[in-house]
Amino acid sequence: MEPTRVFIHGLESSSRGTKGTFFRQRYPEMIIEDYSGFFPERMEKLEGLLAGKTDLVLVGSSYGGLMAAVYACRHEERVRKLILLAAALHLEEFQACRETKLTVPVVLIHGRNDLVVPLEAVRAAAAEVFIDQRFEAVEDDHFLHETFAVLDWDLLLGKRA
């Protein structure tokens, strides 16, 4: 059975941003929605979209990475994998998860030249929470302009072994 793949955009982005457009073109079955408002409103929408769904592969960018990680903390049994791109795990909303030990596989990709989300703070938060993680610090910025499109998304998303 194919997993349910979901992309969650960042704070000031939308489903029509670079990453959302890329995923919509390459993976038309992927759930790609717009989120607005404060964190609780965004999470309420995500919870509603994913209600009853299991075997989830969540891809979150920046604030969307924070949302994906918090969702996994709340519903680990429903998540197959997390892919977090410059995830804002340093924010207060992630604090409740820091008591948790998540065993789902997590791939974190973070630019060494990220001026928005501090790499070392994210690395530390990830080390506390994610048991099965691969953290890749890449030569890139917050938006992963150089890295994003050349990642092996078929492999990351489980489209092939």
N, C-alpha and C. Protein backbone atom coordinates (compact mmCIF):
# COMPACT_ATOMS: atom_id res chain seq x y z
N MET A 1 0.83 -1.19 0.00
CA MET A 1 0.00 0.00 0.00
C MET A 1 0.87 1.25 0.00
N GLU A 2 0.52 2.20 -0.83
CA GLU A 2 1.25 3.45 -0.90
C GLU A 2 0.98 4.29 0.34
N PRO A 3 2.01 4.95 0.86
CA PRO A 3 1.77 5.85 1.99
C PRO A 3 1.03 7.11 1.53
N THR A 4 0.47 7.83 2.48
CA THR A 4 -0.12 9.13 2.20
C THR A 4 0.98 10.16 2.39
N ARG A 5 1.32 10.86 1.31
CA ARG A 5 2.39 11.85 1.35
C ARG A 5 1.80 13.24 1.49
N VAL A 6 2.43 14.04 2.37
CA VAL A 6 1.90 15.36 2.71
C VAL A 6 3.06 16.36 2.70
N PHE A 7 2.84 17.53 2.08
CA PHE A 7 3.81 18.63 2.16
C PHE A 7 3.19 19.77 2.95
N ILE A 8 3.97 20.31 3.90
CA ILE A 8 3.53 21.42 4.75
C ILE A 8 4.50 22.57 4.56
N HIS A 9 4.00 23.67 4.00
CA HIS A 9 4.85 24.82 3.69
C HIS A 9 5.24 25.62 4.93
N GLY A 10 6.14 26.55 4.74
CA GLY A 10 6.64 27.40 5.82
C GLY A 10 5.70 28.54 6.18
N LEU A 11 6.12 29.32 7.16
CA LEU A 11 5.31 30.39 7.75
C LEU A 11 4.84 31.42 6.72
N GLU A 12 5.74 31.91 5.90
CA GLU A 12 5.39 32.97 4.96
C GLU A 12 5.27 32.47 3.54
N SER A 13 5.14 31.17 3.37
CA SER A 13 5.01 30.58 2.04
C SER A 13 3.56 30.14 1.84
N SER A 14 3.35 29.34 0.81
CA SER A 14 2.02 28.81 0.53
C SER A 14 2.18 27.51 -0.26
N SER A 15 1.06 26.90 -0.57
CA SER A 15 1.11 25.68 -1.38
C SER A 15 1.56 25.98 -2.80
N ARG A 16 1.59 27.24 -3.18
CA ARG A 16 2.00 27.67 -4.53
C ARG A 16 3.45 28.14 -4.57
N GLY A 17 4.18 27.99 -3.46
CA GLY A 17 5.59 28.36 -3.43
C GLY A 17 6.42 27.37 -4.25
N THR A 18 7.72 27.58 -4.25
CA THR A 18 8.63 26.75 -5.04
C THR A 18 8.49 25.28 -4.70
N LYS A 19 8.52 24.95 -3.42
CA LYS A 19 8.46 23.54 -3.01
C LYS A 19 7.08 22.94 -3.27
N GLY A 20 6.04 23.67 -2.92
CA GLY A 20 4.68 23.18 -3.17
C GLY A 20 4.43 22.93 -4.65
N THR A 21 4.90 23.84 -5.50
CA THR A 21 4.75 23.69 -6.94
C THR A 21 5.52 22.47 -7.44
N PHE A 22 6.74 22.31 -6.95
CA PHE A 22 7.57 21.16 -7.32
C PHE A 22 6.85 19.85 -6.97
N PHE A 23 6.37 19.74 -5.76
CA PHE A 23 5.71 18.50 -5.33
C PHE A 23 4.40 18.28 -6.10
N ARG A 24 3.64 19.32 -6.33
CA ARG A 24 2.37 19.19 -7.04
C ARG A 24 2.60 18.65 -8.46
N GLN A 25 3.67 19.11 -9.11
CA GLN A 25 3.98 18.65 -10.47
C GLN A 25 4.48 17.22 -10.48
N ARG A 26 5.34 16.86 -9.54
CA ARG A 26 5.96 15.53 -9.55
C ARG A 26 5.14 14.47 -8.85
N TYR A 27 4.38 14.87 -7.85
CA TYR A 27 3.61 13.91 -7.04
C TYR A 27 2.18 14.42 -6.89
N PRO A 28 1.38 14.29 -7.94
CA PRO A 28 0.03 14.87 -7.92
C PRO A 28 -0.88 14.31 -6.83
N GLU A 29 -0.55 13.13 -6.31
CA GLU A 29 -1.38 12.54 -5.25
C GLU A 29 -1.06 13.12 -3.87
N MET A 30 0.00 13.89 -3.78
CA MET A 30 0.45 14.44 -2.49
C MET A 30 -0.57 15.46 -1.97
N ILE A 31 -0.81 15.44 -0.67
CA ILE A 31 -1.68 16.43 -0.03
C ILE A 31 -0.86 17.70 0.17
N ILE A 32 -1.28 18.78 -0.49
CA ILE A 32 -0.57 20.06 -0.43
C ILE A 32 -1.61 21.14 -0.23
N GLU A 33 -1.66 21.69 0.97
CA GLU A 33 -2.69 22.67 1.32
C GLU A 33 -2.04 23.98 1.78
N ASP A 34 -2.86 25.01 1.91
CA ASP A 34 -2.40 26.28 2.47
C ASP A 34 -2.74 26.34 3.96
N TYR A 35 -1.82 26.90 4.72
CA TYR A 35 -2.01 27.08 6.16
C TYR A 35 -1.79 28.54 6.48
N SER A 36 -2.66 29.08 7.33
CA SER A 36 -2.51 30.48 7.74
C SER A 36 -2.92 30.60 9.20
N GLY A 37 -2.63 31.76 9.75
CA GLY A 37 -2.96 32.00 11.15
C GLY A 37 -1.85 31.58 12.07
N PHE A 38 -2.17 31.56 13.33
CA PHE A 38 -1.19 31.17 14.35
C PHE A 38 -1.07 29.65 14.41
N PHE A 39 -0.10 29.19 15.16
CA PHE A 39 0.21 27.77 15.22
C PHE A 39 -1.01 26.90 15.55
N PRO A 40 -1.82 27.23 16.55
CA PRO A 40 -2.98 26.37 16.85
C PRO A 40 -3.94 26.23 15.67
N GLU A 41 -4.19 27.31 14.92
CA GLU A 41 -5.09 27.24 13.77
C GLU A 41 -4.48 26.38 12.67
N ARG A 42 -3.20 26.52 12.46
CA ARG A 42 -2.52 25.72 11.44
C ARG A 42 -2.58 24.24 11.80
N MET A 43 -2.32 23.93 13.07
CA MET A 43 -2.35 22.53 13.50
C MET A 43 -3.76 21.97 13.44
N GLU A 44 -4.77 22.77 13.76
CA GLU A 44 -6.15 22.31 13.68
C GLU A 44 -6.51 21.93 12.24
N LYS A 45 -6.07 22.74 11.28
CA LYS A 45 -6.33 22.41 9.88
C LYS A 45 -5.60 21.12 9.50
N LEU A 46 -4.33 20.99 9.89
CA LEU A 46 -3.56 19.78 9.58
C LEU A 46 -4.22 18.55 10.20
N GLU A 47 -4.62 18.66 11.46
CA GLU A 47 -5.30 17.55 12.14
C GLU A 47 -6.55 17.13 11.37
N GLY A 48 -7.33 18.11 10.91
CA GLY A 48 -8.54 17.81 10.16
C GLY A 48 -8.25 17.13 8.83
N LEU A 49 -7.24 17.62 8.12
CA LEU A 49 -6.86 17.03 6.83
C LEU A 49 -6.41 15.58 6.96
N LEU A 50 -5.73 15.29 8.07
CA LEU A 50 -5.14 13.96 8.24
C LEU A 50 -5.97 13.04 9.12
N ALA A 51 -7.13 13.49 9.54
CA ALA A 51 -8.00 12.67 10.39
C ALA A 51 -8.29 11.34 9.70
N GLY A 52 -8.06 10.26 10.42
CA GLY A 52 -8.34 8.94 9.91
C GLY A 52 -7.29 8.37 8.97
N LYS A 53 -6.29 9.17 8.61
CA LYS A 53 -5.24 8.70 7.71
C LYS A 53 -4.09 8.10 8.50
N THR A 54 -3.47 7.08 7.93
CA THR A 54 -2.31 6.45 8.56
C THR A 54 -1.24 6.29 7.50
N ASP A 55 -0.10 5.75 7.89
CA ASP A 55 1.00 5.49 6.96
C ASP A 55 1.42 6.79 6.27
N LEU A 56 1.61 7.82 7.07
CA LEU A 56 1.90 9.16 6.57
C LEU A 56 3.39 9.38 6.37
N VAL A 57 3.74 10.01 5.26
CA VAL A 57 5.08 10.54 5.04
C VAL A 57 4.90 12.06 5.00
N LEU A 58 5.41 12.72 6.04
CA LEU A 58 5.23 14.16 6.17
C LEU A 58 6.51 14.89 5.78
N VAL A 59 6.39 15.83 4.85
CA VAL A 59 7.50 16.69 4.45
C VAL A 59 7.15 18.08 4.92
N GLY A 60 7.99 18.65 5.78
CA GLY A 60 7.72 19.98 6.30
C GLY A 60 8.89 20.90 6.07
N SER A 61 8.61 22.12 5.63
CA SER A 61 9.64 23.12 5.38
C SER A 61 9.53 24.23 6.41
N SER A 62 10.60 24.47 7.14
CA SER A 62 10.71 25.54 8.11
C SER A 62 9.59 25.43 9.17
N TYR A 63 8.64 26.36 9.19
CA TYR A 63 7.53 26.29 10.14
C TYR A 63 6.67 25.06 9.88
N GLY A 64 6.59 24.65 8.61
CA GLY A 64 5.89 23.41 8.26
C GLY A 64 6.61 22.19 8.81
N GLY A 65 7.93 22.27 8.94
CA GLY A 65 8.70 21.20 9.57
C GLY A 65 8.38 21.10 11.04
N LEU A 66 8.23 22.25 11.69
CA LEU A 66 7.79 22.28 13.08
C LEU A 66 6.42 21.62 13.20
N MET A 67 5.49 21.99 12.31
CA MET A 67 4.15 21.41 12.34
C MET A 67 4.19 19.90 12.15
N ALA A 68 4.99 19.43 11.18
CA ALA A 68 5.10 17.99 10.92
C ALA A 68 5.65 17.26 12.14
N ALA A 69 6.67 17.84 12.77
CA ALA A 69 7.28 17.21 13.94
C ALA A 69 6.30 17.15 15.12
N VAL A 70 5.57 18.22 15.34
CA VAL A 70 4.58 18.24 16.43
C VAL A 70 3.46 17.24 16.13
N TYR A 71 3.02 17.18 14.88
CA TYR A 71 2.00 16.19 14.51
C TYR A 71 2.51 14.78 14.82
N ALA A 72 3.75 14.49 14.46
CA ALA A 72 4.33 13.16 14.72
C ALA A 72 4.42 12.89 16.22
N CYS A 73 4.73 13.89 17.00
CA CYS A 73 4.77 13.70 18.46
C CYS A 73 3.40 13.33 19.00
N ARG A 74 2.37 13.92 18.42
CA ARG A 74 1.00 13.66 18.88
C ARG A 74 0.44 12.35 18.34
N HIS A 75 0.92 11.92 17.16
CA HIS A 75 0.32 10.77 16.47
C HIS A 75 1.40 9.86 15.88
N GLU A 76 2.38 9.50 16.66
CA GLU A 76 3.50 8.71 16.12
C GLU A 76 3.04 7.45 15.41
N GLU A 77 2.00 6.82 15.91
CA GLU A 77 1.54 5.55 15.34
C GLU A 77 0.99 5.72 13.92
N ARG A 78 0.70 6.94 13.51
CA ARG A 78 0.14 7.19 12.18
C ARG A 78 1.19 7.63 11.16
N VAL A 79 2.42 7.87 11.64
CA VAL A 79 3.46 8.44 10.78
C VAL A 79 4.49 7.37 10.41
N ARG A 80 4.75 7.25 9.11
CA ARG A 80 5.76 6.32 8.62
C ARG A 80 7.14 6.97 8.59
N LYS A 81 7.19 8.27 8.22
CA LYS A 81 8.47 8.95 8.05
C LYS A 81 8.27 10.45 8.09
N LEU A 82 9.29 11.15 8.60
CA LEU A 82 9.34 12.62 8.57
C LEU A 82 10.52 13.06 7.73
N ILE A 83 10.29 14.06 6.89
CA ILE A 83 11.37 14.72 6.15
C ILE A 83 11.26 16.19 6.48
N LEU A 84 12.26 16.69 7.21
CA LEU A 84 12.20 18.05 7.73
C LEU A 84 13.27 18.91 7.07
N LEU A 85 12.83 19.98 6.41
CA LEU A 85 13.70 20.88 5.67
C LEU A 85 13.84 22.19 6.44
N ALA A 86 15.03 22.43 6.99
CA ALA A 86 15.28 23.64 7.77
C ALA A 86 14.16 23.86 8.80
N ALA A 87 13.80 22.80 9.48
CA ALA A 87 12.64 22.81 10.39
C ALA A 87 12.87 23.71 11.59
N ALA A 88 11.87 24.48 11.94
CA ALA A 88 11.95 25.45 13.02
C ALA A 88 11.73 24.79 14.39
N LEU A 89 12.55 23.79 14.69
CA LEU A 89 12.40 23.04 15.94
C LEU A 89 12.90 23.81 17.15
N HIS A 90 13.48 24.97 16.93
CA HIS A 90 13.98 25.79 18.03
C HIS A 90 12.87 26.63 18.68
N LEU A 91 11.69 26.64 18.07
CA LEU A 91 10.60 27.48 18.57
C LEU A 91 9.88 26.84 19.76
N GLU A 92 9.22 27.67 20.52
CA GLU A 92 8.53 27.25 21.75
C GLU A 92 7.51 26.14 21.51
N GLU A 93 6.87 26.16 20.35
CA GLU A 93 5.84 25.16 20.05
C GLU A 93 6.38 23.73 20.05
N PHE A 94 7.69 23.57 19.92
CA PHE A 94 8.29 22.24 19.91
C PHE A 94 8.64 21.77 21.33
N GLN A 95 8.56 22.64 22.30
CA GLN A 95 8.98 22.30 23.67
C GLN A 95 8.25 21.08 24.22
N ALA A 96 6.97 20.97 23.98
CA ALA A 96 6.20 19.83 24.51
C ALA A 96 6.73 18.50 23.96
N CYS A 97 7.27 18.52 22.75
CA CYS A 97 7.80 17.29 22.14
C CYS A 97 9.14 16.89 22.75
N ARG A 98 9.81 17.80 23.40
CA ARG A 98 11.17 17.51 23.87
C ARG A 98 11.19 16.49 25.00
N GLU A 99 10.02 16.16 25.53
CA GLU A 99 9.91 15.10 26.54
C GLU A 99 9.71 13.73 25.87
N THR A 100 9.47 13.74 24.56
CA THR A 100 9.13 12.54 23.80
C THR A 100 10.36 11.94 23.15
N LYS A 101 10.34 10.66 22.92
CA LYS A 101 11.36 9.98 22.11
C LYS A 101 10.63 9.34 20.94
N LEU A 102 10.78 9.90 19.76
CA LEU A 102 10.10 9.38 18.58
C LEU A 102 10.98 8.36 17.88
N THR A 103 10.37 7.26 17.46
CA THR A 103 11.13 6.20 16.80
C THR A 103 10.92 6.17 15.29
N VAL A 104 10.02 7.00 14.76
CA VAL A 104 9.83 7.02 13.30
C VAL A 104 11.10 7.54 12.64
N PRO A 105 11.44 7.06 11.45
CA PRO A 105 12.61 7.58 10.76
C PRO A 105 12.43 9.05 10.40
N VAL A 106 13.48 9.82 10.61
CA VAL A 106 13.45 11.26 10.34
C VAL A 106 14.69 11.63 9.54
N VAL A 107 14.47 12.33 8.45
CA VAL A 107 15.57 12.91 7.67
C VAL A 107 15.47 14.42 7.85
N LEU A 108 16.53 15.03 8.35
CA LEU A 108 16.58 16.48 8.52
C LEU A 108 17.64 17.03 7.57
N ILE A 109 17.26 18.02 6.79
CA ILE A 109 18.19 18.66 5.86
C ILE A 109 18.17 20.14 6.21
N HIS A 110 19.37 20.67 6.48
CA HIS A 110 19.46 22.04 6.97
C HIS A 110 20.67 22.72 6.34
N GLY A 111 20.47 23.93 5.86
CA GLY A 111 21.57 24.69 5.26
C GLY A 111 22.52 25.24 6.31
N ARG A 112 23.81 25.11 6.05
CA ARG A 112 24.82 25.66 6.95
C ARG A 112 24.78 27.19 6.98
N ASN A 113 24.25 27.78 5.92
CA ASN A 113 24.18 29.24 5.82
C ASN A 113 22.77 29.77 6.08
N ASP A 114 22.01 29.02 6.85
CA ASP A 114 20.63 29.41 7.20
C ASP A 114 20.68 30.57 8.18
N LEU A 115 20.15 31.72 7.78
CA LEU A 115 20.11 32.90 8.63
C LEU A 115 18.76 33.08 9.31
N VAL A 116 17.83 32.15 9.08
CA VAL A 116 16.48 32.23 9.64
C VAL A 116 16.31 31.27 10.81
N VAL A 117 16.68 30.01 10.61
CA VAL A 117 16.53 28.97 11.63
C VAL A 117 17.94 28.48 11.99
N PRO A 118 18.33 28.62 13.26
CA PRO A 118 19.70 28.25 13.66
C PRO A 118 19.97 26.75 13.61
N LEU A 119 20.93 26.37 12.78
CA LEU A 119 21.26 24.96 12.55
C LEU A 119 21.56 24.23 13.85
N GLU A 120 22.43 24.75 14.69
CA GLU A 120 22.85 24.02 15.89
C GLU A 120 21.72 23.85 16.89
N ALA A 121 20.82 24.82 16.98
CA ALA A 121 19.67 24.68 17.88
C ALA A 121 18.74 23.57 17.38
N VAL A 122 18.58 23.46 16.07
CA VAL A 122 17.75 22.42 15.50
C VAL A 122 18.41 21.06 15.68
N ARG A 123 19.72 21.01 15.46
CA ARG A 123 20.44 19.75 15.64
C ARG A 123 20.28 19.25 17.08
N ALA A 124 20.40 20.16 18.05
CA ALA A 124 20.27 19.78 19.47
C ALA A 124 18.86 19.29 19.79
N ALA A 125 17.85 20.00 19.30
CA ALA A 125 16.46 19.60 19.55
C ALA A 125 16.18 18.24 18.91
N ALA A 126 16.67 18.04 17.70
CA ALA A 126 16.46 16.77 17.00
C ALA A 126 17.13 15.62 17.74
N ALA A 127 18.31 15.87 18.27
CA ALA A 127 19.04 14.81 19.00
C ALA A 127 18.29 14.38 20.25
N GLU A 128 17.57 15.30 20.87
CA GLU A 128 16.80 14.97 22.08
C GLU A 128 15.58 14.11 21.77
N VAL A 129 14.95 14.33 20.62
CA VAL A 129 13.63 13.76 20.35
C VAL A 129 13.65 12.58 19.38
N PHE A 130 14.44 12.67 18.33
CA PHE A 130 14.38 11.68 17.25
C PHE A 130 15.43 10.60 17.44
N ILE A 131 14.98 9.36 17.66
CA ILE A 131 15.87 8.22 17.88
C ILE A 131 16.51 7.79 16.56
N ASP A 132 15.71 7.70 15.51
CA ASP A 132 16.15 7.21 14.20
C ASP A 132 16.22 8.38 13.23
N GLN A 133 17.32 9.13 13.30
CA GLN A 133 17.41 10.32 12.48
C GLN A 133 18.69 10.36 11.65
N ARG A 134 18.57 11.03 10.51
CA ARG A 134 19.73 11.36 9.68
C ARG A 134 19.71 12.86 9.50
N PHE A 135 20.73 13.53 10.00
CA PHE A 135 20.81 14.99 9.94
C PHE A 135 21.86 15.35 8.89
N GLU A 136 21.44 16.05 7.85
CA GLU A 136 22.35 16.47 6.79
C GLU A 136 22.47 17.99 6.80
N ALA A 137 23.66 18.48 7.14
CA ALA A 137 23.95 19.90 7.03
C ALA A 137 24.57 20.11 5.65
N VAL A 138 23.93 20.93 4.83
CA VAL A 138 24.35 21.12 3.44
C VAL A 138 24.81 22.56 3.21
N GLU A 139 25.61 22.74 2.18
CA GLU A 139 26.08 24.09 1.82
C GLU A 139 24.95 24.82 1.11
N ASP A 140 24.10 25.45 1.90
CA ASP A 140 22.92 26.10 1.34
C ASP A 140 22.37 27.09 2.35
N ASP A 141 21.31 27.80 1.94
CA ASP A 141 20.66 28.78 2.80
C ASP A 141 19.38 28.19 3.41
N HIS A 142 18.59 29.04 4.03
CA HIS A 142 17.36 28.57 4.67
C HIS A 142 16.39 27.94 3.67
N PHE A 143 16.32 28.48 2.49
CA PHE A 143 15.35 28.02 1.50
C PHE A 143 15.83 26.79 0.73
N LEU A 144 17.06 26.39 0.97
CA LEU A 144 17.66 25.23 0.30
C LEU A 144 17.57 25.37 -1.21
N HIS A 145 17.86 26.58 -1.69
CA HIS A 145 17.80 26.87 -3.13
C HIS A 145 18.64 25.92 -3.97
N GLU A 146 19.84 25.60 -3.50
CA GLU A 146 20.76 24.75 -4.26
C GLU A 146 20.45 23.26 -4.09
N THR A 147 19.91 22.89 -2.96
CA THR A 147 19.79 21.48 -2.58
C THR A 147 18.44 20.87 -2.91
N PHE A 148 17.37 21.61 -2.69
CA PHE A 148 16.03 21.04 -2.73
C PHE A 148 15.72 20.24 -3.99
N ALA A 149 15.89 20.85 -5.15
CA ALA A 149 15.46 20.22 -6.41
C ALA A 149 16.34 19.02 -6.79
N VAL A 150 17.55 18.94 -6.26
CA VAL A 150 18.44 17.84 -6.64
C VAL A 150 18.40 16.68 -5.64
N LEU A 151 17.61 16.80 -4.60
CA LEU A 151 17.46 15.67 -3.67
C LEU A 151 16.75 14.52 -4.38
N ASP A 152 17.03 13.31 -3.96
CA ASP A 152 16.39 12.13 -4.55
C ASP A 152 15.02 11.95 -3.89
N TRP A 153 14.05 12.71 -4.39
CA TRP A 153 12.72 12.72 -3.76
C TRP A 153 12.01 11.38 -3.91
N ASP A 154 12.20 10.67 -5.01
CA ASP A 154 11.57 9.36 -5.13
C ASP A 154 12.02 8.45 -4.00
N LEU A 155 13.30 8.46 -3.70
CA LEU A 155 13.83 7.64 -2.61
C LEU A 155 13.34 8.15 -1.26
N LEU A 156 13.44 9.46 -1.03
CA LEU A 156 13.01 10.04 0.24
C LEU A 156 11.52 9.77 0.53
N LEU A 157 10.71 9.85 -0.50
CA LEU A 157 9.26 9.68 -0.33
C LEU A 157 8.81 8.24 -0.42
N GLY A 158 9.76 7.32 -0.60
CA GLY A 158 9.40 5.90 -0.63
C GLY A 158 8.76 5.46 -1.93
N LYS A 159 9.06 6.17 -3.02
CA LYS A 159 8.53 5.78 -4.33
C LYS A 159 9.36 4.64 -4.91
N ARG A 160 10.56 4.45 -4.39
CA ARG A 160 11.41 3.33 -4.79
C ARG A 160 12.36 3.03 -3.65
N ALA A 161 12.87 1.82 -3.62
CA ALA A 161 13.78 1.41 -2.53
C ALA A 161 15.18 1.92 -2.76
